[in-house]
Amino acid sequence: MTNTEEWDIEISPKTSLFQIDFKEIWRFRDLLSLFIKREIVSVYKQTILGPIWFFIQPILTTLVFTVVFGNIAQISTDGQPKILFYLSGIVLWTYFSEAITSTSTTFTANAAIFGKVYFPRIIMPLSKVISNLLKLCIQFLLLIFIYGYFIITHKTTLNLNYNIILLPFLVLIIMNLGMGIGMIVSSLTTKYKDLTFLVTFGVQLLMYASPVIYSLATLQKNKPQYYSFIAYNPISPVIEAFRKSLLGGVVDYGMILYSFIVSVVLLFTGLIVFNATDKTFIDTV
């Protein structure tokens, strides 16, 4: 008589640092949904305004930028309405910055869970990126609402063009960049915990090295010595293309391709480092 056993789940080590088991991720899709819901609900739980903060944060930031950089510093917005100019940059930049900061603590913040329960570790950074993507969609609706107000009231002439079909692709690039950099930082912080303190500061500095409060055309005109450095920041072409797709302007497809290639390289690098750290991180955290 032979005793045969059948297992519902079989856990085996990764055979390659590039390996992503999509079937396993799909099997744990309920857990992924739970993490996404937790990320959204926990942020505004026990707050007075709740999800309204999704709108308040970009509105307040836009107003501050309009007063400080638009009115006081007199930084050109290329003839576009200041509110739309700044809001279009803020919406995309906020997603990128939150994707980095939230995924950069994957190992350190969830060490207790990882040490007790098995599930595909990639689910955790995925939940961070997807939950922030939902916030982006909500804030994008705010941008569209204000955009529609300017069109209806004829306060300005906006040149909506066929480049608008690029928007999902641009969001994909930002997602790749945020998740890739976040996973790299998360892996490094398992050994070098002081990097955690530098992430938020570094992201804030990076905003000023990206065309959020100015355009590349303005930079090239007023500060040409910094143009090449800023233009080849992989985030810059994405923000510029996002803004021009909505407000009008010539999109540089070559630079978008450059950003896409960099984002894919960073994503795969992040995946390799993440998978390598996953094997031993519990001993060092």
Protein backbone atom coordinates (compact mmCIF):
# COMPACT_ATOMS: atom_id res chain seq x y z
CA MET A 1 0.00 0.00 0.00
CA THR A 2 1.48 3.35 -1.04
CA ASN A 3 0.80 6.60 0.76
CA THR A 4 0.53 9.48 -1.72
CA GLU A 5 0.19 13.07 -0.60
CA GLU A 6 -1.09 15.99 -2.61
CA TRP A 7 -0.12 19.53 -1.73
CA ASP A 8 -2.21 22.59 -2.54
CA ILE A 9 0.81 24.91 -2.37
CA GLU A 10 4.41 23.95 -2.96
CA ILE A 11 7.06 26.46 -1.86
CA SER A 12 10.40 26.28 -3.66
CA PRO A 13 13.36 28.67 -3.91
CA LYS A 14 13.64 30.96 -6.90
CA THR A 15 15.78 29.51 -9.64
CA SER A 16 16.54 32.90 -11.15
CA LEU A 17 16.83 36.44 -9.85
CA PHE A 18 14.63 37.51 -12.78
CA GLN A 19 11.87 35.10 -11.78
CA ILE A 20 8.35 36.41 -11.26
CA ASP A 21 5.75 33.72 -10.66
CA PHE A 22 2.64 35.36 -12.11
CA LYS A 23 0.52 32.27 -11.39
CA GLU A 24 1.46 32.51 -7.73
CA ILE A 25 0.69 36.23 -7.65
CA TRP A 26 -2.71 35.49 -9.21
CA ARG A 27 -3.32 32.79 -6.58
CA PHE A 28 -2.69 35.37 -3.86
CA ARG A 29 -4.78 38.06 -5.58
CA ASP A 30 -7.17 38.27 -2.61
CA LEU A 31 -4.25 39.10 -0.35
CA LEU A 32 -3.07 41.71 -2.85
CA SER A 33 -6.55 43.27 -2.84
CA LEU A 34 -6.54 43.25 0.97
CA PHE A 35 -3.19 45.04 1.09
CA ILE A 36 -4.36 47.62 -1.45
CA LYS A 37 -7.50 48.31 0.58
CA ARG A 38 -5.42 48.56 3.74
CA GLU A 39 -3.07 51.07 2.16
CA ILE A 40 -5.94 53.33 1.12
CA VAL A 41 -8.11 53.03 4.24
CA SER A 42 -5.36 53.18 6.86
CA VAL A 43 -4.00 56.54 5.67
CA TYR A 44 -7.23 58.46 6.28
CA LYS A 45 -8.77 56.31 8.99
CA GLN A 46 -9.95 58.34 12.01
CA THR A 47 -9.58 61.60 10.12
CA ILE A 48 -12.31 64.23 9.94
CA LEU A 49 -12.24 64.78 6.17
CA GLY A 50 -11.26 61.23 5.17
CA PRO A 51 -10.80 60.66 1.41
CA ILE A 52 -11.36 64.37 0.75
CA TRP A 53 -7.68 64.73 1.56
CA PHE A 54 -7.01 63.14 -1.84
CA PHE A 55 -8.22 66.45 -3.30
CA ILE A 56 -7.10 68.86 -0.59
CA GLN A 57 -3.42 67.94 -0.75
CA PRO A 58 -2.87 68.68 -4.48
CA ILE A 59 -5.09 71.79 -4.28
CA LEU A 60 -3.12 73.29 -1.39
CA THR A 61 0.21 72.41 -3.00
CA THR A 62 -0.92 73.97 -6.28
CA LEU A 63 -2.02 77.17 -4.55
CA VAL A 64 1.31 77.45 -2.72
CA PHE A 65 3.25 76.88 -5.95
CA THR A 66 1.09 79.42 -7.77
CA VAL A 67 1.73 82.11 -5.15
CA VAL A 68 5.41 81.39 -4.46
CA PHE A 69 6.78 80.33 -7.84
CA GLY A 70 4.19 81.85 -10.17
CA ASN A 71 3.46 85.22 -8.56
CA ILE A 72 6.44 85.99 -6.33
CA ALA A 73 9.30 84.31 -8.21
CA GLN A 74 7.62 85.04 -11.57
CA ILE A 75 8.69 81.72 -13.10
CA SER A 76 7.22 81.39 -16.59
CA THR A 77 4.52 78.79 -17.24
CA ASP A 78 4.85 79.11 -21.04
CA GLY A 79 1.60 81.07 -21.30
CA GLN A 80 -0.45 78.30 -19.69
CA PRO A 81 -2.78 78.89 -16.71
CA LYS A 82 -0.64 78.67 -13.59
CA ILE A 83 -3.06 76.44 -11.73
CA LEU A 84 -3.22 73.90 -14.56
CA PHE A 85 0.52 74.10 -15.16
CA TYR A 86 1.45 73.34 -11.56
CA LEU A 87 -1.36 70.88 -10.88
CA SER A 88 -0.48 68.77 -13.94
CA GLY A 89 3.08 68.45 -12.66
CA ILE A 90 2.10 67.89 -9.04
CA VAL A 91 -0.35 65.07 -9.80
CA LEU A 92 2.23 62.98 -11.64
CA TRP A 93 5.11 63.87 -9.32
CA THR A 94 3.07 62.95 -6.22
CA TYR A 95 2.47 59.48 -7.61
CA PHE A 96 6.16 58.99 -8.35
CA SER A 97 7.35 60.24 -4.95
CA GLU A 98 4.80 58.20 -2.99
CA ALA A 99 5.60 55.09 -5.03
CA ILE A 100 9.26 55.41 -4.03
CA THR A 101 8.75 56.28 -0.36
CA SER A 102 6.11 53.61 0.22
CA THR A 103 7.97 50.75 -1.48
CA SER A 104 11.34 51.74 0.02
CA THR A 105 10.28 50.35 3.42
CA THR A 106 8.96 47.02 2.15
CA PHE A 107 11.41 44.80 4.04
CA THR A 108 11.96 46.84 7.19
CA ALA A 109 8.29 47.69 7.78
CA ASN A 110 6.99 44.17 7.11
CA ALA A 111 9.75 42.03 8.62
CA ALA A 112 7.37 40.60 11.24
CA ILE A 113 4.89 39.46 8.59
CA PHE A 114 7.56 38.09 6.26
CA GLY A 115 9.09 36.08 9.09
CA LYS A 116 5.83 34.31 9.99
CA VAL A 117 3.70 33.89 6.88
CA TYR A 118 4.60 32.91 3.34
CA PHE A 119 3.29 34.80 0.35
CA PRO A 120 5.03 36.19 -2.75
CA ARG A 121 7.05 39.10 -1.38
CA ILE A 122 6.57 41.07 -4.61
CA ILE A 123 2.90 41.46 -3.60
CA MET A 124 3.86 44.04 -0.99
CA PRO A 125 5.51 46.61 -3.31
CA LEU A 126 2.83 45.88 -5.91
CA SER A 127 0.12 46.78 -3.39
CA LYS A 128 1.90 50.07 -2.64
CA VAL A 129 2.20 51.01 -6.31
CA ILE A 130 -1.37 50.03 -7.19
CA SER A 131 -2.91 51.80 -4.19
CA ASN A 132 -1.02 54.97 -5.12
CA LEU A 133 -2.22 54.49 -8.70
CA LEU A 134 -5.81 54.66 -7.46
CA LYS A 135 -4.95 57.93 -5.71
CA LEU A 136 -3.48 59.20 -8.98
CA CYS A 137 -6.71 58.40 -10.81
CA ILE A 138 -8.73 60.32 -8.20
CA GLN A 139 -6.44 63.34 -8.39
CA PHE A 140 -6.46 63.16 -12.18
CA LEU A 141 -10.25 63.61 -12.04
CA LEU A 142 -9.62 66.82 -10.10
CA LEU A 143 -7.25 67.95 -12.86
CA ILE A 144 -9.85 67.15 -15.52
CA PHE A 145 -12.54 69.05 -13.58
CA ILE A 146 -10.39 72.20 -13.35
CA TYR A 147 -9.34 71.70 -16.98
CA GLY A 148 -13.01 71.63 -18.01
CA TYR A 149 -13.70 74.79 -15.98
CA PHE A 150 -11.03 76.72 -17.91
CA ILE A 151 -12.43 75.52 -21.24
CA ILE A 152 -16.07 76.30 -20.39
CA THR A 153 -15.32 79.77 -19.04
CA HIS A 154 -13.01 80.52 -22.00
CA LYS A 155 -10.33 81.79 -19.61
CA THR A 156 -7.65 80.37 -21.87
CA THR A 157 -7.12 78.45 -25.09
CA LEU A 158 -6.04 74.89 -24.41
CA ASN A 159 -4.77 72.73 -27.24
CA LEU A 160 -5.89 69.21 -26.42
CA ASN A 161 -4.31 66.96 -29.07
CA TYR A 162 -3.78 63.36 -30.09
CA ASN A 163 -0.83 63.08 -27.69
CA ILE A 164 -3.39 62.46 -24.96
CA ILE A 165 -3.29 58.76 -25.92
CA LEU A 166 0.21 58.73 -24.40
CA LEU A 167 -1.11 59.29 -20.87
CA PRO A 168 -1.43 55.59 -19.88
CA PHE A 169 2.06 54.92 -21.28
CA LEU A 170 3.50 57.86 -19.33
CA VAL A 171 1.91 56.58 -16.12
CA LEU A 172 3.42 53.14 -16.84
CA ILE A 173 6.88 54.71 -17.12
CA ILE A 174 6.43 56.56 -13.82
CA MET A 175 5.20 53.33 -12.22
CA ASN A 176 8.28 51.45 -13.42
CA LEU A 177 10.60 54.18 -12.16
CA GLY A 178 8.93 54.44 -8.76
CA MET A 179 8.71 50.71 -8.16
CA GLY A 180 12.21 49.99 -9.48
CA ILE A 181 13.93 52.67 -7.39
CA GLY A 182 11.75 51.80 -4.37
CA MET A 183 12.71 48.11 -4.48
CA ILE A 184 16.41 48.97 -4.80
CA VAL A 185 16.25 51.30 -1.80
CA SER A 186 14.16 48.80 0.18
CA SER A 187 16.76 46.11 -0.40
CA LEU A 188 19.62 48.38 0.64
CA THR A 189 17.90 49.52 3.84
CA THR A 190 17.96 45.96 5.22
CA LYS A 191 21.70 46.52 5.84
CA TYR A 192 21.98 50.29 5.78
CA LYS A 193 19.02 51.57 7.78
CA ASP A 194 20.15 55.18 7.69
CA LEU A 195 19.18 55.25 4.00
CA THR A 196 15.58 55.42 5.19
CA PHE A 197 16.19 58.94 6.52
CA LEU A 198 17.69 60.03 3.21
CA VAL A 199 14.86 58.81 0.97
CA THR A 200 12.32 61.51 1.82
CA PHE A 201 14.96 64.24 1.67
CA GLY A 202 16.34 62.90 -1.61
CA VAL A 203 12.91 62.74 -3.21
CA GLN A 204 12.24 66.36 -2.24
CA LEU A 205 15.52 67.46 -3.81
CA LEU A 206 14.75 65.43 -6.93
CA MET A 207 11.54 67.41 -7.42
CA TYR A 208 13.59 70.56 -8.02
CA ALA A 209 15.68 68.62 -10.55
CA SER A 210 12.47 67.82 -12.44
CA PRO A 211 10.22 70.22 -14.41
CA VAL A 212 7.44 70.36 -11.84
CA ILE A 213 7.60 74.10 -11.08
CA TYR A 214 9.13 75.13 -14.40
CA SER A 215 9.25 73.91 -18.00
CA LEU A 216 12.32 72.67 -19.85
CA ALA A 217 11.85 75.51 -22.36
CA THR A 218 12.07 78.08 -19.57
CA LEU A 219 15.12 76.34 -18.11
CA GLN A 220 16.88 76.24 -21.47
CA LYS A 221 16.21 79.94 -21.97
CA ASN A 222 17.21 81.20 -18.52
CA LYS A 223 19.65 78.56 -17.21
CA PRO A 224 21.05 76.69 -20.22
CA GLN A 225 24.02 75.38 -18.20
CA TYR A 226 21.63 73.15 -16.22
CA TYR A 227 19.46 72.09 -19.13
CA SER A 228 21.24 68.85 -20.09
CA PHE A 229 21.35 67.63 -16.49
CA ILE A 230 17.64 68.25 -15.95
CA ALA A 231 16.52 67.09 -19.40
CA TYR A 232 18.20 63.70 -19.02
CA ASN A 233 16.63 63.10 -15.67
CA PRO A 234 14.31 60.22 -16.77
CA ILE A 235 11.36 61.78 -14.95
CA SER A 236 11.64 65.09 -16.82
CA PRO A 237 10.51 63.92 -20.30
CA VAL A 238 7.52 62.15 -18.74
CA ILE A 239 6.30 65.20 -16.83
CA GLU A 240 6.87 67.43 -19.86
CA ALA A 241 4.98 65.03 -22.16
CA PHE A 242 2.16 64.65 -19.61
CA ARG A 243 1.76 68.42 -19.39
CA LYS A 244 1.99 69.02 -23.13
CA SER A 245 -0.48 66.24 -23.90
CA LEU A 246 -3.07 68.11 -21.85
CA LEU A 247 -2.15 71.75 -22.34
CA GLY A 248 -0.64 71.66 -25.81
CA GLY A 249 2.89 71.59 -27.15
CA VAL A 250 5.35 69.44 -29.06
CA VAL A 251 6.13 66.11 -27.41
CA ASP A 252 9.65 64.72 -27.79
CA TYR A 253 9.05 61.01 -28.51
CA GLY A 254 12.76 60.28 -28.52
CA MET A 255 13.10 61.44 -24.92
CA ILE A 256 10.01 59.46 -23.91
CA LEU A 257 11.64 56.35 -25.37
CA TYR A 258 14.77 57.19 -23.39
CA SER A 259 12.73 57.42 -20.16
CA PHE A 260 10.97 54.15 -20.94
CA ILE A 261 14.27 52.31 -21.46
CA VAL A 262 15.69 53.71 -18.21
CA SER A 263 12.50 52.76 -16.35
CA VAL A 264 12.66 49.16 -17.61
CA VAL A 265 16.34 48.89 -16.66
CA LEU A 266 15.64 50.24 -13.18
CA LEU A 267 12.62 47.95 -12.75
CA PHE A 268 14.61 44.83 -13.69
CA THR A 269 17.52 45.96 -11.53
CA GLY A 270 15.12 46.49 -8.64
CA LEU A 271 13.62 43.04 -9.22
CA ILE A 272 17.05 41.38 -9.21
CA VAL A 273 18.15 43.14 -6.02
CA PHE A 274 14.74 42.50 -4.40
CA ASN A 275 14.84 38.77 -5.15
CA ALA A 276 18.44 38.50 -3.97
CA THR A 277 17.62 40.28 -0.70
CA ASP A 278 14.47 38.22 -0.19
CA LYS A 279 16.60 35.12 0.42
CA THR A 280 18.60 36.49 3.35
CA PHE A 281 16.98 39.70 4.60
CA ILE A 282 15.28 38.09 7.62
CA ASP A 283 18.74 37.42 9.11
CA THR A 284 19.81 41.05 8.86
CA VAL A 285 16.67 43.06 9.58
